[in-house]
């Protein structure tokens, strides 16, 4: 067996696992099964505003949001690139309410999709978790929600596997990624040389 064929065979053996992972995860990314639920956008449930509010925008306010939820009226202003929730009455910073009120707000939000979020909601140190295993975080300043279930975690792990992020250590994963690309290019170059010789 010639040296180029030996090199090509060795490189092929080295790339068997990465090729298998790339093909499998690439198929998942192409079909996107379960993506809609896994990355669905969860928002607080809003209602018609039932009270009149006199707003006096300040020069430093870049954006203003006025919403009505189960907890009442919310005034959010954006200044210096960050959101802040203010009291609609005197425009002072509105403190985060009790855990029970936050739970009421989140529970009202997840009621739109009981199939994904279930019926029960528990408070944790990281945020909230539903009886279906979906973790939910609430940013009180912007009144925004984020959710992540087991399906979200699985798809994120598939992305990591696809890009050879196998160790969890950024530097080592970058080395693996570069090494995988180098081996792929070498395999291609040697394969093309063998093909040209045969022709």
Protein backbone atom coordinates (compact mmCIF):
# COMPACT_ATOMS: atom_id res chain seq x y z
CA UNK A 1 0.00 0.00 0.00
CA UNK A 2 1.39 3.44 -0.98
CA UNK A 3 2.12 6.12 1.61
CA UNK A 4 -0.74 8.43 0.47
CA UNK A 5 -3.21 5.53 0.82
CA UNK A 6 -1.91 4.76 4.31
CA UNK A 7 -2.24 8.41 5.32
CA UNK A 8 -5.72 8.56 3.85
CA UNK A 9 -6.75 5.42 5.72
CA UNK A 10 -5.33 6.68 9.04
CA UNK A 11 -7.03 10.04 8.63
CA UNK A 12 -10.27 8.26 7.77
CA UNK A 13 -10.12 6.21 10.96
CA UNK A 14 -9.43 9.36 13.00
CA UNK A 15 -12.47 11.08 11.49
CA UNK A 16 -14.97 8.22 11.84
CA UNK A 17 -16.44 9.52 15.11
CA UNK A 18 -16.49 13.23 14.13
CA UNK A 19 -18.04 12.33 10.74
CA UNK A 20 -20.74 10.28 12.44
CA UNK A 21 -21.48 13.10 14.91
CA UNK A 22 -21.49 15.75 12.16
CA UNK A 23 -23.85 13.71 9.98
CA UNK A 24 -26.25 12.84 12.81
CA UNK A 25 -26.42 16.33 14.29
CA UNK A 26 -26.56 17.90 10.82
CA UNK A 27 -29.64 15.80 10.06
CA UNK A 28 -31.27 17.00 13.29
CA UNK A 29 -30.48 20.64 12.45
CA UNK A 30 -31.94 20.17 8.98
CA UNK A 31 -35.20 18.55 10.10
CA UNK A 32 -35.45 20.59 13.34
CA UNK A 33 -37.67 18.17 15.31
CA UNK A 34 -39.12 19.75 18.45
CA UNK A 35 -37.44 23.11 17.84
CA UNK A 36 -40.66 25.12 18.03
CA UNK A 37 -41.48 24.00 21.58
CA UNK A 38 -37.89 23.89 22.81
CA UNK A 39 -37.21 27.50 21.79
CA UNK A 40 -40.70 28.94 22.15
CA UNK A 41 -40.84 32.53 23.34
CA UNK A 42 -42.51 32.86 26.73
CA UNK A 43 -43.96 36.28 27.59
CA UNK A 44 -45.92 37.66 30.51
CA UNK A 45 -49.67 37.65 29.96
CA UNK A 46 -51.00 41.16 29.46
CA UNK A 47 -54.44 42.70 29.83
CA UNK A 48 -56.08 45.99 28.80
CA UNK A 49 -54.80 48.91 30.88
CA UNK A 50 -57.66 49.97 33.15
CA UNK A 51 -56.19 53.06 34.81
CA UNK A 52 -55.21 56.44 33.38
CA UNK A 53 -51.56 57.31 33.89
CA UNK A 54 -49.97 60.69 33.35
CA UNK A 55 -46.48 60.16 31.97
CA UNK A 56 -43.78 62.80 31.99
CA UNK A 57 -40.93 61.30 29.98
CA UNK A 58 -37.47 62.21 31.20
CA UNK A 59 -34.70 63.22 28.78
CA UNK A 60 -32.61 60.17 29.74
CA UNK A 61 -35.40 57.71 28.92
CA UNK A 62 -34.65 55.92 25.65
CA UNK A 63 -37.75 53.68 25.55
CA UNK A 64 -40.97 53.36 27.53
CA UNK A 65 -43.22 50.31 28.03
CA UNK A 66 -46.55 50.34 29.83
CA UNK A 67 -48.19 46.97 30.54
CA UNK A 68 -51.02 45.56 32.61
CA UNK A 69 -50.59 42.10 34.19
CA UNK A 70 -52.21 40.19 37.03
CA UNK A 71 -49.98 42.24 39.35
CA UNK A 72 -51.29 45.56 38.07
CA UNK A 73 -49.74 48.25 35.89
CA UNK A 74 -46.05 48.12 35.02
CA UNK A 75 -43.96 51.02 33.78
CA UNK A 76 -40.60 50.06 32.29
CA UNK A 77 -38.11 52.62 31.04
CA UNK A 78 -34.83 52.07 29.26
CA UNK A 79 -31.96 54.36 30.14
CA UNK A 80 -28.25 53.97 29.51
CA UNK A 81 -29.06 50.75 27.64
CA UNK A 82 -30.70 49.03 30.63
CA UNK A 83 -34.32 48.47 31.58
CA UNK A 84 -35.70 49.60 34.90
CA UNK A 85 -39.17 49.14 36.32
CA UNK A 86 -40.67 52.24 37.93
CA UNK A 87 -43.74 52.96 39.98
CA UNK A 88 -46.41 54.49 37.69
CA UNK A 89 -47.40 56.82 40.53
CA UNK A 90 -44.19 58.59 41.47
CA UNK A 91 -41.64 57.14 39.00
CA UNK A 92 -39.46 55.72 41.75
CA UNK A 93 -37.77 52.35 41.23
CA UNK A 94 -40.34 49.62 41.80
CA UNK A 95 -38.90 46.89 44.01
CA UNK A 96 -39.33 43.23 43.17
CA UNK A 97 -42.53 41.91 44.76
CA UNK A 98 -42.90 38.88 46.99
CA UNK A 99 -42.17 35.36 45.80
CA UNK A 100 -45.91 34.61 45.81
CA UNK A 101 -46.62 37.55 43.50
CA UNK A 102 -43.82 36.54 41.15
CA UNK A 103 -45.15 32.99 41.10
CA UNK A 104 -48.63 34.32 40.28
CA UNK A 105 -47.19 36.32 37.38
CA UNK A 106 -45.24 33.37 35.94
CA UNK A 107 -48.11 30.95 36.46
CA UNK A 108 -50.39 33.29 34.52
CA UNK A 109 -47.82 33.37 31.69
CA UNK A 110 -47.48 29.58 31.39
CA UNK A 111 -51.25 29.07 31.38
CA UNK A 112 -51.25 29.66 27.61
CA UNK A 113 -49.49 26.32 27.00
CA UNK A 114 -50.38 23.72 29.67
CA UNK A 115 -49.10 20.92 27.44
CA UNK A 116 -45.53 22.21 27.72
CA UNK A 117 -45.62 23.85 31.13
CA UNK A 118 -48.13 21.72 33.00
CA UNK A 119 -50.20 23.07 35.86
CA UNK A 120 -47.86 23.30 38.87
CA UNK A 121 -45.05 25.80 39.43
CA UNK A 122 -42.34 25.64 42.09
CA UNK A 123 -39.97 28.42 43.21
CA UNK A 124 -36.27 27.52 43.14
CA UNK A 125 -33.02 29.38 43.80
CA UNK A 126 -32.52 29.79 40.03
CA UNK A 127 -36.09 30.85 39.27
CA UNK A 128 -39.06 28.55 38.76
CA UNK A 129 -39.60 25.00 37.55
CA UNK A 130 -42.81 23.47 36.22
CA UNK A 131 -44.11 19.98 36.85
CA UNK A 132 -43.03 19.12 33.30
CA UNK A 133 -39.41 19.98 34.12
CA UNK A 134 -39.23 23.32 32.31
CA UNK A 135 -37.03 25.90 34.04
CA UNK A 136 -38.20 29.51 33.88
CA UNK A 137 -36.33 32.70 34.73
CA UNK A 138 -37.93 36.12 35.20
CA UNK A 139 -36.12 39.42 34.73
CA UNK A 140 -38.17 41.80 36.86
CA UNK A 141 -36.53 44.98 35.50
CA UNK A 142 -37.64 44.27 31.91
CA UNK A 143 -40.52 41.94 32.83
CA UNK A 144 -39.14 39.33 30.42
CA UNK A 145 -39.22 35.55 30.73
CA UNK A 146 -36.94 32.80 29.45
CA UNK A 147 -37.61 29.07 29.46
CA UNK A 148 -35.54 25.94 29.02
CA UNK A 149 -36.75 22.37 29.08
CA UNK A 150 -34.97 19.05 28.68
CA UNK A 151 -35.55 19.30 24.93
CA UNK A 152 -33.84 22.71 24.85
CA UNK A 153 -30.87 21.30 26.74
CA UNK A 154 -30.68 18.30 24.39
CA UNK A 155 -30.61 20.47 21.27
CA UNK A 156 -27.99 22.77 22.81
CA UNK A 157 -25.85 19.72 23.61
CA UNK A 158 -26.23 18.53 20.00
CA UNK A 159 -24.88 21.89 18.84
CA UNK A 160 -21.90 21.47 21.17
CA UNK A 161 -21.30 17.95 19.83
CA UNK A 162 -21.54 19.18 16.23
CA UNK A 163 -18.86 21.80 16.81
CA UNK A 164 -16.63 19.37 18.74
CA UNK A 165 -17.23 21.09 22.07
CA UNK A 166 -16.87 17.78 23.88
CA UNK A 167 -14.88 18.60 27.00
CA UNK A 168 -16.60 21.70 28.37
CA UNK A 169 -13.25 23.52 28.47
CA UNK A 170 -13.24 26.36 25.96
CA UNK A 171 -9.54 26.24 25.03
CA UNK A 172 -9.44 22.47 24.65
CA UNK A 173 -12.67 22.47 22.64
CA UNK A 174 -11.21 25.09 20.29
CA UNK A 175 -8.13 22.91 19.80
CA UNK A 176 -10.38 19.91 19.02
CA UNK A 177 -12.37 21.98 16.53
CA UNK A 178 -9.28 23.23 14.70
CA UNK A 179 -7.74 19.74 14.74
CA UNK A 180 -10.93 18.27 13.28
CA UNK A 181 -10.94 20.81 10.45
CA UNK A 182 -7.25 20.20 9.71
CA UNK A 183 -7.79 16.43 9.56
CA UNK A 184 -10.79 16.95 7.29
CA UNK A 185 -8.80 19.15 4.90
CA UNK A 186 -5.87 16.69 4.88
CA UNK A 187 -8.24 13.81 4.15
CA UNK A 188 -9.73 15.78 1.26
CA UNK A 189 -6.33 16.76 -0.19
CA UNK A 190 -4.95 13.21 0.03
CA UNK A 191 -8.17 11.79 -1.41
CA UNK A 192 -8.07 14.20 -4.37
CA UNK A 193 -4.42 13.23 -5.04
CA UNK A 194 -5.32 9.55 -5.03
CA UNK A 195 -8.24 10.23 -7.36
CA UNK A 196 -6.03 12.19 -9.79
CA UNK A 197 -3.42 9.40 -9.81
CA UNK A 198 -6.07 6.82 -10.57
CA UNK A 199 -7.34 8.87 -13.47
